[in-house]
Amino acid sequence: LGRLCETFGMGLSMHSNSHLGISLMAMTHVAAATPNLTYDADTHYPWLHPADDVIEGGKIAFKDGAVAVRTTPGLGIAIDRDALARGHERFQRVPYRDRDDIGFMRRTVGPAWEKLLPRW
């Protein structure tokens, strides 16, 4: 995708929303390996309560607004199996399973909002 955007003179960015440390580090590695990533990759990870993450050692540290890219194989994190089990138990208790993004957009953007694909 990075090369395709470069070919057509387009910029490229990455965005993630409310994820855990494991996906933050996966995104970090993908971003570091993506050519022509012309905009900062952004995340909502800092909003996460530390007790809700499933990695050992607490939240991943940001320095000057960035996460360090590991130079060793792997994502550079270890899974906290007990925290993962607690998260799974909480997930099992959630009474809803389906998302209603269209309803959310109509409530927040306006009742006439329509999903259009593709948008370009």
PDB file of N, CA and C in Angstrom:
ATOM      1  N   LEU A   1       0.828  -1.186   0.000  1.00  0.00           N
ATOM      2  CA  LEU A   1       0.000   0.000   0.000  1.00  0.00           C
ATOM      3  C   LEU A   1       0.874   1.251   0.000  1.00  0.00           C
ATOM      4  N   GLY A   2       1.949   1.212   0.758  1.00  0.00           N
ATOM      5  CA  GLY A   2       2.859   2.350   0.797  1.00  0.00           C
ATOM      6  C   GLY A   2       3.427   2.675  -0.572  1.00  0.00           C
ATOM      7  N   ARG A   3       3.833   1.644  -1.303  1.00  0.00           N
ATOM      8  CA  ARG A   3       4.379   1.858  -2.652  1.00  0.00           C
ATOM      9  C   ARG A   3       3.288   2.352  -3.612  1.00  0.00           C
ATOM     10  N   LEU A   4       2.086   1.838  -3.489  1.00  0.00           N
ATOM     11  CA  LEU A   4       0.980   2.274  -4.335  1.00  0.00           C
ATOM     12  C   LEU A   4       0.677   3.753  -4.105  1.00  0.00           C
ATOM     13  N   CYS A   5       0.606   4.152  -2.849  1.00  0.00           N
ATOM     14  CA  CYS A   5       0.378   5.567  -2.534  1.00  0.00           C
ATOM     15  C   CYS A   5       1.510   6.427  -3.074  1.00  0.00           C
ATOM     16  N   GLU A   6       2.732   5.937  -2.941  1.00  0.00           N
ATOM     17  CA  GLU A   6       3.885   6.680  -3.451  1.00  0.00           C
ATOM     18  C   GLU A   6       3.781   6.864  -4.970  1.00  0.00           C
ATOM     19  N   THR A   7       3.371   5.814  -5.664  1.00  0.00           N
ATOM     20  CA  THR A   7       3.230   5.869  -7.121  1.00  0.00           C
ATOM     21  C   THR A   7       2.255   6.959  -7.557  1.00  0.00           C
ATOM     22  N   PHE A   8       1.167   7.100  -6.811  1.00  0.00           N
ATOM     23  CA  PHE A   8       0.136   8.072  -7.171  1.00  0.00           C
ATOM     24  C   PHE A   8       0.284   9.405  -6.440  1.00  0.00           C
ATOM     25  N   GLY A   9       1.415   9.595  -5.761  1.00  0.00           N
ATOM     26  CA  GLY A   9       1.670  10.863  -5.082  1.00  0.00           C
ATOM     27  C   GLY A   9       0.756  11.117  -3.901  1.00  0.00           C
ATOM     28  N   MET A  10       0.330  10.051  -3.259  1.00  0.00           N
ATOM     29  CA  MET A  10      -0.573  10.173  -2.111  1.00  0.00           C
ATOM     30  C   MET A  10       0.177   9.872  -0.818  1.00  0.00           C
ATOM     31  N   GLY A  11      -0.249  10.503   0.257  1.00  0.00           N
ATOM     32  CA  GLY A  11       0.309  10.214   1.565  1.00  0.00           C
ATOM     33  C   GLY A  11      -0.337   8.977   2.156  1.00  0.00           C
ATOM     34  N   LEU A  12       0.240   8.481   3.221  1.00  0.00           N
ATOM     35  CA  LEU A  12      -0.270   7.287   3.889  1.00  0.00           C
ATOM     36  C   LEU A  12      -0.110   7.461   5.390  1.00  0.00           C
ATOM     37  N   SER A  13      -1.114   7.042   6.133  1.00  0.00           N
ATOM     38  CA  SER A  13      -1.030   7.070   7.592  1.00  0.00           C
ATOM     39  C   SER A  13      -1.639   5.791   8.141  1.00  0.00           C
ATOM     40  N   MET A  14      -1.477   5.589   9.433  1.00  0.00           N
ATOM     41  CA  MET A  14      -2.090   4.451  10.118  1.00  0.00           C
ATOM     42  C   MET A  14      -2.833   4.986  11.324  1.00  0.00           C
ATOM     43  N   HIS A  15      -3.943   4.344  11.640  1.00  0.00           N
ATOM     44  CA  HIS A  15      -4.736   4.734  12.800  1.00  0.00           C
ATOM     45  C   HIS A  15      -5.183   3.469  13.507  1.00  0.00           C
ATOM     46  N   SER A  16      -5.231   3.522  14.802  1.00  0.00           N
ATOM     47  CA  SER A  16      -5.767   2.409  15.582  1.00  0.00           C
ATOM     48  C   SER A  16      -6.654   2.994  16.664  1.00  0.00           C
ATOM     49  N   ASN A  17      -7.514   2.177  17.185  1.00  0.00           N
ATOM     50  CA  ASN A  17      -8.492   2.688  18.130  1.00  0.00           C
ATOM     51  C   ASN A  17      -8.618   1.764  19.338  1.00  0.00           C
ATOM     52  N   SER A  18      -8.300   2.273  20.485  1.00  0.00           N
ATOM     53  CA  SER A  18      -8.564   1.598  21.762  1.00  0.00           C
ATOM     54  C   SER A  18      -8.128   0.134  21.757  1.00  0.00           C
ATOM     55  N   HIS A  19      -6.875  -0.099  21.590  1.00  0.00           N
ATOM     56  CA  HIS A  19      -6.397  -1.469  21.545  1.00  0.00           C
ATOM     57  C   HIS A  19      -5.459  -1.761  22.699  1.00  0.00           C
ATOM     58  N   LEU A  20      -4.957  -2.970  22.754  1.00  0.00           N
ATOM     59  CA  LEU A  20      -4.071  -3.431  23.816  1.00  0.00           C
ATOM     60  C   LEU A  20      -2.615  -3.304  23.380  1.00  0.00           C
ATOM     61  N   GLY A  21      -1.724  -3.503  24.330  1.00  0.00           N
ATOM     62  CA  GLY A  21      -0.299  -3.375  24.053  1.00  0.00           C
ATOM     63  C   GLY A  21       0.202  -4.302  22.970  1.00  0.00           C
ATOM     64  N   ILE A  22      -0.381  -5.492  22.875  1.00  0.00           N
ATOM     65  CA  ILE A  22       0.073  -6.436  21.845  1.00  0.00           C
ATOM     66  C   ILE A  22      -0.228  -5.890  20.453  1.00  0.00           C
ATOM     67  N   SER A  23      -1.411  -5.311  20.256  1.00  0.00           N
ATOM     68  CA  SER A  23      -1.729  -4.769  18.930  1.00  0.00           C
ATOM     69  C   SER A  23      -0.997  -3.456  18.684  1.00  0.00           C
ATOM     70  N   LEU A  24      -0.712  -2.699  19.747  1.00  0.00           N
ATOM     71  CA  LEU A  24       0.082  -1.479  19.576  1.00  0.00           C
ATOM     72  C   LEU A  24       1.463  -1.825  19.034  1.00  0.00           C
ATOM     73  N   MET A  25       2.083  -2.861  19.591  1.00  0.00           N
ATOM     74  CA  MET A  25       3.422  -3.231  19.127  1.00  0.00           C
ATOM     75  C   MET A  25       3.376  -3.848  17.734  1.00  0.00           C
ATOM     76  N   ALA A  26       2.307  -4.578  17.409  1.00  0.00           N
ATOM     77  CA  ALA A  26       2.161  -5.100  16.046  1.00  0.00           C
ATOM     78  C   ALA A  26       2.040  -3.938  15.069  1.00  0.00           C
ATOM     79  N   MET A  27       1.218  -2.939  15.413  1.00  0.00           N
ATOM     80  CA  MET A  27       1.063  -1.766  14.558  1.00  0.00           C
ATOM     81  C   MET A  27       2.388  -1.009  14.436  1.00  0.00           C
ATOM     82  N   THR A  28       3.119  -0.905  15.517  1.00  0.00           N
ATOM     83  CA  THR A  28       4.407  -0.213  15.501  1.00  0.00           C
ATOM     84  C   THR A  28       5.365  -0.878  14.517  1.00  0.00           C
ATOM     85  N   HIS A  29       5.419  -2.202  14.533  1.00  0.00           N
ATOM     86  CA  HIS A  29       6.307  -2.923  13.619  1.00  0.00           C
ATOM     87  C   HIS A  29       5.859  -2.772  12.168  1.00  0.00           C
ATOM     88  N   VAL A  30       4.550  -2.843  11.928  1.00  0.00           N
ATOM     89  CA  VAL A  30       4.044  -2.651  10.561  1.00  0.00           C
ATOM     90  C   VAL A  30       4.376  -1.238  10.080  1.00  0.00           C
ATOM     91  N   ALA A  31       4.157  -0.249  10.944  1.00  0.00           N
ATOM     92  CA  ALA A  31       4.444   1.143  10.568  1.00  0.00           C
ATOM     93  C   ALA A  31       5.927   1.327  10.254  1.00  0.00           C
ATOM     94  N   ALA A  32       6.787   0.715  11.065  1.00  0.00           N
ATOM     95  CA  ALA A  32       8.230   0.864  10.853  1.00  0.00           C
ATOM     96  C   ALA A  32       8.681   0.225   9.541  1.00  0.00           C
ATOM     97  N   ALA A  33       7.959  -0.790   9.087  1.00  0.00           N
ATOM     98  CA  ALA A  33       8.346  -1.502   7.866  1.00  0.00           C
ATOM     99  C   ALA A  33       7.614  -1.001   6.623  1.00  0.00           C
ATOM    100  N   THR A  34       6.701  -0.055   6.779  1.00  0.00           N
ATOM    101  CA  THR A  34       5.898   0.428   5.652  1.00  0.00           C
ATOM    102  C   THR A  34       6.602   1.577   4.939  1.00  0.00           C
ATOM    103  N   PRO A  35       6.877   1.413   3.645  1.00  0.00           N
ATOM    104  CA  PRO A  35       7.488   2.519   2.911  1.00  0.00           C
ATOM    105  C   PRO A  35       6.479   3.642   2.690  1.00  0.00           C
ATOM    106  N   ASN A  36       6.956   4.848   2.629  1.00  0.00           N
ATOM    107  CA  ASN A  36       6.130   6.012   2.316  1.00  0.00           C
ATOM    108  C   ASN A  36       5.056   6.281   3.369  1.00  0.00           C
ATOM    109  N   LEU A  37       5.311   5.966   4.607  1.00  0.00           N
ATOM    110  CA  LEU A  37       4.377   6.323   5.676  1.00  0.00           C
ATOM    111  C   LEU A  37       4.626   7.800   5.969  1.00  0.00           C
ATOM    112  N   THR A  38       3.855   8.657   5.347  1.00  0.00           N
ATOM    113  CA  THR A  38       4.134  10.093   5.336  1.00  0.00           C
ATOM    114  C   THR A  38       3.526  10.846   6.508  1.00  0.00           C
ATOM    115  N   TYR A  39       2.626  10.216   7.237  1.00  0.00           N
ATOM    116  CA  TYR A  39       1.998  10.849   8.395  1.00  0.00           C
ATOM    117  C   TYR A  39       2.263   9.985   9.620  1.00  0.00           C
ATOM    118  N   ASP A  40       2.203  10.595  10.780  1.00  0.00           N
ATOM    119  CA  ASP A  40       2.388   9.834  12.012  1.00  0.00           C
ATOM    120  C   ASP A  40       1.296   8.783  12.162  1.00  0.00           C
ATOM    121  N   ALA A  41       1.663   7.630  12.696  1.00  0.00           N
ATOM    122  CA  ALA A  41       0.677   6.616  13.063  1.00  0.00           C
ATOM    123  C   ALA A  41       0.114   7.031  14.420  1.00  0.00           C
ATOM    124  N   ASP A  42      -1.196   7.040  14.546  1.00  0.00           N
ATOM    125  CA  ASP A  42      -1.773   7.472  15.818  1.00  0.00           C
ATOM    126  C   ASP A  42      -2.494   6.323  16.505  1.00  0.00           C
ATOM    127  N   THR A  43      -2.688   6.475  17.796  1.00  0.00           N
ATOM    128  CA  THR A  43      -3.295   5.430  18.600  1.00  0.00           C
ATOM    129  C   THR A  43      -4.100   6.032  19.739  1.00  0.00           C
ATOM    130  N   HIS A  44      -5.048   5.274  20.210  1.00  0.00           N
ATOM    131  CA  HIS A  44      -5.804   5.651  21.406  1.00  0.00           C
ATOM    132  C   HIS A  44      -5.332   4.834  22.607  1.00  0.00           C
ATOM    133  N   TYR A  45      -4.240   4.129  22.449  1.00  0.00           N
ATOM    134  CA  TYR A  45      -3.703   3.273  23.511  1.00  0.00           C
ATOM    135  C   TYR A  45      -3.487   4.007  24.829  1.00  0.00           C
ATOM    136  N   PRO A  46      -3.031   5.255  24.845  1.00  0.00           N
ATOM    137  CA  PRO A  46      -2.804   5.919  26.132  1.00  0.00           C
ATOM    138  C   PRO A  46      -4.066   6.047  26.986  1.00  0.00           C
ATOM    139  N   TRP A  47      -5.248   5.912  26.392  1.00  0.00           N
ATOM    140  CA  TRP A  47      -6.485   6.010  27.171  1.00  0.00           C
ATOM    141  C   TRP A  47      -6.750   4.753  27.981  1.00  0.00           C
ATOM    142  N   LEU A  48      -6.115   3.674  27.618  1.00  0.00           N
ATOM    143  CA  LEU A  48      -6.352   2.389  28.256  1.00  0.00           C
ATOM    144  C   LEU A  48      -5.923   2.414  29.723  1.00  0.00           C
ATOM    145  N   HIS A  49      -6.776   1.877  30.590  1.00  0.00           N
ATOM    146  CA  HIS A  49      -6.408   1.742  32.006  1.00  0.00           C
ATOM    147  C   HIS A  49      -5.350   0.638  32.114  1.00  0.00           C
ATOM    148  N   PRO A  50      -4.256   0.873  32.827  1.00  0.00           N
ATOM    149  CA  PRO A  50      -3.169  -0.113  32.895  1.00  0.00           C
ATOM    150  C   PRO A  50      -3.626  -1.510  33.316  1.00  0.00           C
ATOM    151  N   ALA A  51      -4.632  -1.600  34.177  1.00  0.00           N
ATOM    152  CA  ALA A  51      -5.088  -2.908  34.643  1.00  0.00           C
ATOM    153  C   ALA A  51      -5.821  -3.688  33.551  1.00  0.00           C
ATOM    154  N   ASP A  52      -6.196  -3.025  32.465  1.00  0.00           N
ATOM    155  CA  ASP A  52      -6.943  -3.692  31.400  1.00  0.00           C
ATOM    156  C   ASP A  52      -6.049  -4.288  30.317  1.00  0.00           C
ATOM    157  N   ASP A  53      -4.760  -4.008  30.342  1.00  0.00           N
ATOM    158  CA  ASP A  53      -3.887  -4.537  29.299  1.00  0.00           C
ATOM    159  C   ASP A  53      -3.539  -5.992  29.599  1.00  0.00           C
ATOM    160  N   VAL A  54      -3.066  -6.700  28.591  1.00  0.00           N
ATOM    161  CA  VAL A  54      -2.763  -8.122  28.744  1.00  0.00           C
ATOM    162  C   VAL A  54      -1.276  -8.419  28.528  1.00  0.00           C
ATOM    163  N   ILE A  55      -0.438  -7.405  28.700  1.00  0.00           N
ATOM    164  CA  ILE A  55       1.001  -7.632  28.559  1.00  0.00           C
ATOM    165  C   ILE A  55       1.674  -7.521  29.923  1.00  0.00           C
ATOM    166  N   GLU A  56       2.773  -8.227  30.068  1.00  0.00           N
ATOM    167  CA  GLU A  56       3.535  -8.161  31.312  1.00  0.00           C
ATOM    168  C   GLU A  56       4.281  -6.836  31.398  1.00  0.00           C
ATOM    169  N   GLY A  57       4.413  -6.322  32.607  1.00  0.00           N
ATOM    170  CA  GLY A  57       5.229  -5.134  32.826  1.00  0.00           C
ATOM    171  C   GLY A  57       4.501  -3.812  32.727  1.00  0.00           C
ATOM    172  N   GLY A  58       3.207  -3.830  32.561  1.00  0.00           N
ATOM    173  CA  GLY A  58       2.459  -2.574  32.497  1.00  0.00           C
ATOM    174  C   GLY A  58       2.417  -1.979  31.106  1.00  0.00           C
ATOM    175  N   LYS A  59       1.909  -0.768  31.055  1.00  0.00           N
ATOM    176  CA  LYS A  59       1.719  -0.112  29.763  1.00  0.00           C
ATOM    177  C   LYS A  59       3.046   0.131  29.042  1.00  0.00           C
ATOM    178  N   ILE A  60       2.997   0.091  27.737  1.00  0.00           N
ATOM    179  CA  ILE A  60       4.172   0.375  26.908  1.00  0.00           C
ATOM    180  C   ILE A  60       4.502   1.856  27.027  1.00  0.00           C
ATOM    181  N   ALA A  61       5.763   2.144  27.188  1.00  0.00           N
ATOM    182  CA  ALA A  61       6.191   3.529  27.407  1.00  0.00           C
ATOM    183  C   ALA A  61       6.273   4.312  26.097  1.00  0.00           C
ATOM    184  N   PHE A  62       5.783   5.535  26.164  1.00  0.00           N
ATOM    185  CA  PHE A  62       5.941   6.492  25.063  1.00  0.00           C
ATOM    186  C   PHE A  62       7.005   7.493  25.491  1.00  0.00           C
ATOM    187  N   LYS A  63       7.889   7.861  24.578  1.00  0.00           N
ATOM    188  CA  LYS A  63       8.882   8.893  24.851  1.00  0.00           C
ATOM    189  C   LYS A  63       8.812   9.902  23.718  1.00  0.00           C
ATOM    190  N   ASP A  64       8.565  11.144  24.062  1.00  0.00           N
ATOM    191  CA  ASP A  64       8.417  12.207  23.069  1.00  0.00           C
ATOM    192  C   ASP A  64       7.355  11.855  22.033  1.00  0.00           C
ATOM    193  N   GLY A  65       6.272  11.208  22.499  1.00  0.00           N
ATOM    194  CA  GLY A  65       5.156  10.881  21.621  1.00  0.00           C
ATOM    195  C   GLY A  65       5.353   9.670  20.737  1.00  0.00           C
ATOM    196  N   ALA A  66       6.381   8.878  21.011  1.00  0.00           N
ATOM    197  CA  ALA A  66       6.670   7.731  20.151  1.00  0.00           C
ATOM    198  C   ALA A  66       6.958   6.484  20.980  1.00  0.00           C
ATOM    199  N   VAL A  67       6.797   5.342  20.349  1.00  0.00           N
ATOM    200  CA  VAL A  67       7.125   4.051  20.939  1.00  0.00           C
ATOM    201  C   VAL A  67       8.393   3.553  20.261  1.00  0.00           C
ATOM    202  N   ALA A  68       9.304   3.020  21.034  1.00  0.00           N
ATOM    203  CA  ALA A  68      10.546   2.488  20.459  1.00  0.00           C
ATOM    204  C   ALA A  68      10.262   1.218  19.666  1.00  0.00           C
ATOM    205  N   VAL A  69      10.871   1.111  18.509  1.00  0.00           N
ATOM    206  CA  VAL A  69      10.764  -0.101  17.702  1.00  0.00           C
ATOM    207  C   VAL A  69      11.856  -1.053  18.160  1.00  0.00           C
ATOM    208  N   ARG A  70      11.467  -2.252  18.524  1.00  0.00           N
ATOM    209  CA  ARG A  70      12.439  -3.236  18.991  1.00  0.00           C
ATOM    210  C   ARG A  70      13.323  -3.683  17.828  1.00  0.00           C
ATOM    211  N   THR A  71      14.547  -4.046  18.122  1.00  0.00           N
ATOM    212  CA  THR A  71      15.459  -4.528  17.083  1.00  0.00           C
ATOM    213  C   THR A  71      15.640  -6.038  17.155  1.00  0.00           C
ATOM    214  N   THR A  72      15.052  -6.673  18.143  1.00  0.00           N
ATOM    215  CA  THR A  72      15.132  -8.122  18.284  1.00  0.00           C
ATOM    216  C   THR A  72      13.892  -8.755  17.650  1.00  0.00           C
ATOM    217  N   PRO A  73      13.945 -10.054  17.344  1.00  0.00           N
ATOM    218  CA  PRO A  73      12.775 -10.714  16.755  1.00  0.00           C
ATOM    219  C   PRO A  73      11.559 -10.647  17.681  1.00  0.00           C
ATOM    220  N   GLY A  74      10.399 -10.632  17.099  1.00  0.00           N
ATOM    221  CA  GLY A  74       9.154 -10.611  17.859  1.00  0.00           C
ATOM    222  C   GLY A  74       8.685  -9.193  18.138  1.00  0.00           C
ATOM    223  N   LEU A  75       7.602  -9.099  18.877  1.00  0.00           N
ATOM    224  CA  LEU A  75       6.999  -7.802  19.172  1.00  0.00           C
ATOM    225  C   LEU A  75       7.628  -7.107  20.370  1.00  0.00           C
ATOM    226  N   GLY A  76       8.434  -7.837  21.145  1.00  0.00           N
ATOM    227  CA  GLY A  76       9.091  -7.215  22.291  1.00  0.00           C
ATOM    228  C   GLY A  76       8.217  -7.135  23.522  1.00  0.00           C
ATOM    229  N   ILE A  77       7.160  -7.921  23.556  1.00  0.00           N
ATOM    230  CA  ILE A  77       6.274  -7.952  24.728  1.00  0.00           C
ATOM    231  C   ILE A  77       6.021  -9.409  25.106  1.00  0.00           C
ATOM    232  N   ALA A  78       5.547  -9.608  26.324  1.00  0.00           N
ATOM    233  CA  ALA A  78       5.149 -10.936  26.782  1.00  0.00           C
ATOM    234  C   ALA A  78       3.705 -10.852  27.266  1.00  0.00           C
ATOM    235  N   ILE A  79       2.922 -11.881  26.979  1.00  0.00           N
ATOM    236  CA  ILE A  79       1.507 -11.907  27.355  1.00  0.00           C
ATOM    237  C   ILE A  79       1.372 -12.266  28.826  1.00  0.00           C
ATOM    238  N   ASP A  80       0.562 -11.509  29.549  1.00  0.00           N
ATOM    239  CA  ASP A  80       0.189 -11.818  30.928  1.00  0.00           C
ATOM    240  C   ASP A  80      -1.043 -12.722  30.839  1.00  0.00           C
ATOM    241  N   ARG A  81      -0.847 -14.022  30.985  1.00  0.00           N
ATOM    242  CA  ARG A  81      -1.928 -15.002  30.791  1.00  0.00           C
ATOM    243  C   ARG A  81      -3.078 -14.806  31.781  1.00  0.00           C
ATOM    244  N   ASP A  82      -2.781 -14.394  33.009  1.00  0.00           N
ATOM    245  CA  ASP A  82      -3.853 -14.154  33.983  1.00  0.00           C
ATOM    246  C   ASP A  82      -4.709 -12.961  33.560  1.00  0.00           C
ATOM    247  N   ALA A  83      -4.073 -11.895  33.107  1.00  0.00           N
ATOM    248  CA  ALA A  83      -4.817 -10.719  32.642  1.00  0.00           C
ATOM    249  C   ALA A  83      -5.637 -11.065  31.402  1.00  0.00           C
ATOM    250  N   LEU A  84      -5.087 -11.887  30.530  1.00  0.00           N
ATOM    251  CA  LEU A  84      -5.812 -12.312  29.336  1.00  0.00           C
ATOM    252  C   LEU A  84      -7.054 -13.113  29.729  1.00  0.00           C
ATOM    253  N   ALA A  85      -6.928 -13.991  30.709  1.00  0.00           N
ATOM    254  CA  ALA A  85      -8.074 -14.778  31.183  1.00  0.00           C
ATOM    255  C   ALA A  85      -9.136 -13.872  31.808  1.00  0.00           C
ATOM    256  N   ARG A  86      -8.713 -12.867  32.575  1.00  0.00           N
ATOM    257  CA  ARG A  86      -9.690 -11.925  33.162  1.00  0.00           C
ATOM    258  C   ARG A  86     -10.431 -11.156  32.069  1.00  0.00           C
ATOM    259  N   GLY A  87      -9.710 -10.736  31.052  1.00  0.00           N
ATOM    260  CA  GLY A  87     -10.346 -10.038  29.942  1.00  0.00           C
ATOM    261  C   GLY A  87     -11.330 -10.924  29.205  1.00  0.00           C
ATOM    262  N   HIS A  88     -10.983 -12.185  29.036  1.00  0.00           N
ATOM    263  CA  HIS A  88     -11.882 -13.127  28.373  1.00  0.00           C
ATOM    264  C   HIS A  88     -13.156 -13.323  29.196  1.00  0.00           C
ATOM    265  N   GLU A  89     -13.006 -13.446  30.505  1.00  0.00           N
ATOM    266  CA  GLU A  89     -14.188 -13.589  31.374  1.00  0.00           C
ATOM    267  C   GLU A  89     -15.097 -12.370  31.259  1.00  0.00           C
ATOM    268  N   ARG A  90     -14.515 -11.169  31.251  1.00  0.00           N
ATOM    269  CA  ARG A  90     -15.327  -9.946  31.089  1.00  0.00           C
ATOM    270  C   ARG A  90     -16.035  -9.940  29.742  1.00  0.00           C
ATOM    271  N   PHE A  91     -15.330 -10.352  28.699  1.00  0.00           N
ATOM    272  CA  PHE A  91     -15.929 -10.400  27.364  1.00  0.00           C
ATOM    273  C   PHE A  91     -17.120 -11.354  27.332  1.00  0.00           C
ATOM    274  N   GLN A  92     -16.999 -12.489  27.994  1.00  0.00           N
ATOM    275  CA  GLN A  92     -18.091 -13.464  28.011  1.00  0.00           C
ATOM    276  C   GLN A  92     -19.352 -12.907  28.674  1.00  0.00           C
ATOM    277  N   ARG A  93     -19.193 -11.948  29.580  1.00  0.00           N
ATOM    278  CA  ARG A  93     -20.350 -11.368  30.287  1.00  0.00           C
ATOM    279  C   ARG A  93     -21.017 -10.229  29.518  1.00  0.00           C
ATOM    280  N   VAL A  94     -20.408  -9.742  28.450  1.00  0.00           N
ATOM    281  CA  VAL A  94     -20.993  -8.633  27.681  1.00  0.00           C
ATOM    282  C   VAL A  94     -22.261  -9.134  26.994  1.00  0.00           C
ATOM    283  N   PRO A  95     -23.388  -8.424  27.187  1.00  0.00           N
ATOM    284  CA  PRO A  95     -24.662  -8.918  26.646  1.00  0.00           C
ATOM    285  C   PRO A  95     -24.852  -8.677  25.147  1.00  0.00           C
ATOM    286  N   TYR A  96     -24.033  -7.869  24.528  1.00  0.00           N
ATOM    287  CA  TYR A  96     -24.211  -7.580  23.102  1.00  0.00           C
ATOM    288  C   TYR A  96     -22.985  -8.044  22.321  1.00  0.00           C
ATOM    289  N   ARG A  97     -23.190  -8.406  21.085  1.00  0.00           N
ATOM    290  CA  ARG A  97     -22.094  -8.880  20.241  1.00  0.00           C
ATOM    291  C   ARG A  97     -22.001  -8.130  18.911  1.00  0.00           C
ATOM    292  N   ASP A  98     -23.072  -7.482  18.489  1.00  0.00           N
ATOM    293  CA  ASP A  98     -23.078  -6.818  17.188  1.00  0.00           C
ATOM    294  C   ASP A  98     -22.829  -5.326  17.336  1.00  0.00           C
ATOM    295  N   ARG A  99     -22.069  -4.766  16.407  1.00  0.00           N
ATOM    296  CA  ARG A  99     -21.822  -3.323  16.364  1.00  0.00           C
ATOM    297  C   ARG A  99     -22.878  -2.669  15.489  1.00  0.00           C
ATOM    298  N   ASP A 100     -23.197  -1.441  15.823  1.00  0.00           N
ATOM    299  CA  ASP A 100     -24.113  -0.660  14.999  1.00  0.00           C
ATOM    300  C   ASP A 100     -23.435   0.664  14.681  1.00  0.00           C
ATOM    301  N   ASP A 101     -22.462   0.626  13.787  1.00  0.00           N
ATOM    302  CA  ASP A 101     -21.722   1.834  13.437  1.00  0.00           C
ATOM    303  C   ASP A 101     -22.596   2.851  12.721  1.00  0.00           C
ATOM    304  N   ILE A 102     -23.539   2.378  11.914  1.00  0.00           N
ATOM    305  CA  ILE A 102     -24.416   3.301  11.196  1.00  0.00           C
ATOM    306  C   ILE A 102     -25.290   4.062  12.186  1.00  0.00           C
ATOM    307  N   GLY A 103     -25.842   3.365  13.166  1.00  0.00           N
ATOM    308  CA  GLY A 103     -26.648   4.029  14.195  1.00  0.00           C
ATOM    309  C   GLY A 103     -25.839   5.048  14.973  1.00  0.00           C
ATOM    310  N   PHE A 104     -24.606   4.693  15.310  1.00  0.00           N
ATOM    311  CA  PHE A 104     -23.736   5.621  16.035  1.00  0.00           C
ATOM    312  C   PHE A 104     -23.482   6.870  15.201  1.00  0.00           C
ATOM    313  N   MET A 105     -23.149   6.686  13.932  1.00  0.00           N
ATOM    314  CA  MET A 105     -22.874   7.833  13.062  1.00  0.00           C
ATOM    315  C   MET A 105     -24.114   8.705  12.884  1.00  0.00           C
ATOM    316  N   ARG A 106     -25.286   8.096  12.787  1.00  0.00           N
ATOM    317  CA  ARG A 106     -26.511   8.889  12.635  1.00  0.00           C
ATOM    318  C   ARG A 106     -26.819   9.680  13.901  1.00  0.00           C
ATOM    319  N   ARG A 107     -26.464   9.128  15.044  1.00  0.00           N
ATOM    320  CA  ARG A 107     -26.690   9.865  16.300  1.00  0.00           C
ATOM    321  C   ARG A 107     -25.676  10.986  16.482  1.00  0.00           C
ATOM    322  N   THR A 108     -24.432  10.775  16.041  1.00  0.00           N
ATOM    323  CA  THR A 108     -23.382  11.760  16.306  1.00  0.00           C
ATOM    324  C   THR A 108     -23.141  12.736  15.158  1.00  0.00           C
ATOM    325  N   VAL A 109     -23.254  12.280  13.911  1.00  0.00           N
ATOM    326  CA  VAL A 109     -23.006  13.136  12.754  1.00  0.00           C
ATOM    327  C   VAL A 109     -24.297  13.765  12.260  1.00  0.00           C
ATOM    328  N   GLY A 110     -25.347  12.963  12.171  1.00  0.00           N
ATOM    329  CA  GLY A 110     -26.639  13.472  11.713  1.00  0.00           C
ATOM    330  C   GLY A 110     -27.505  12.336  11.210  1.00  0.00           C
ATOM    331  N   PRO A 111     -28.823  12.468  11.318  1.00  0.00           N
ATOM    332  CA  PRO A 111     -29.734  11.375  10.959  1.00  0.00           C
ATOM    333  C   PRO A 111     -29.706  10.999   9.480  1.00  0.00           C
ATOM    334  N   ALA A 112     -29.177  11.854   8.634  1.00  0.00           N
ATOM    335  CA  ALA A 112     -29.129  11.560   7.198  1.00  0.00           C
ATOM    336  C   ALA A 112     -27.838  10.854   6.784  1.00  0.00           C
ATOM    337  N   TRP A 113     -26.923  10.591   7.743  1.00  0.00           N
ATOM    338  CA  TRP A 113     -25.643   9.980   7.392  1.00  0.00           C
ATOM    339  C   TRP A 113     -25.879   8.625   6.737  1.00  0.00           C
ATOM    340  N   GLU A 114     -25.167   8.369   5.627  1.00  0.00           N
ATOM    341  CA  GLU A 114     -25.256   7.092   4.918  1.00  0.00           C
ATOM    342  C   GLU A 114     -23.859   6.518   4.728  1.00  0.00           C
ATOM    343  N   LYS A 115     -23.750   5.228   4.835  1.00  0.00           N
ATOM    344  CA  LYS A 115     -22.482   4.547   4.598  1.00  0.00           C
ATOM    345  C   LYS A 115     -22.277   4.433   3.090  1.00  0.00           C
ATOM    346  N   LEU A 116     -21.190   4.986   2.598  1.00  0.00           N
ATOM    347  CA  LEU A 116     -20.876   4.949   1.175  1.00  0.00           C
ATOM    348  C   LEU A 116     -19.542   4.247   0.972  1.00  0.00           C
ATOM    349  N   LEU A 117     -19.551   3.190   0.203  1.00  0.00           N
ATOM    350  CA  LEU A 117     -18.311   2.468  -0.096  1.00  0.00           C
ATOM    351  C   LEU A 117     -18.195   2.300  -1.595  1.00  0.00           C
ATOM    352  N   PRO A 118     -17.086   2.488  -2.209  1.00  0.00           N
ATOM    353  CA  PRO A 118     -15.943   3.161  -1.602  1.00  0.00           C
ATOM    354  C   PRO A 118     -16.185   4.658  -1.493  1.00  0.00           C
ATOM    355  N   ARG A 119     -15.451   5.295  -0.622  1.00  0.00           N
ATOM    356  CA  ARG A 119     -15.633   6.726  -0.392  1.00  0.00           C
ATOM    357  C   ARG A 119     -14.739   7.572  -1.295  1.00  0.00           C
ATOM    358  N   TRP A 120     -13.977   6.995  -2.179  1.00  0.00           N
ATOM    359  CA  TRP A 120     -13.083   7.772  -3.036  1.00  0.00           C
ATOM    360  C   TRP A 120     -13.481   7.635  -4.480  1.00  0.00           C
TER     361      TRP A 120
END
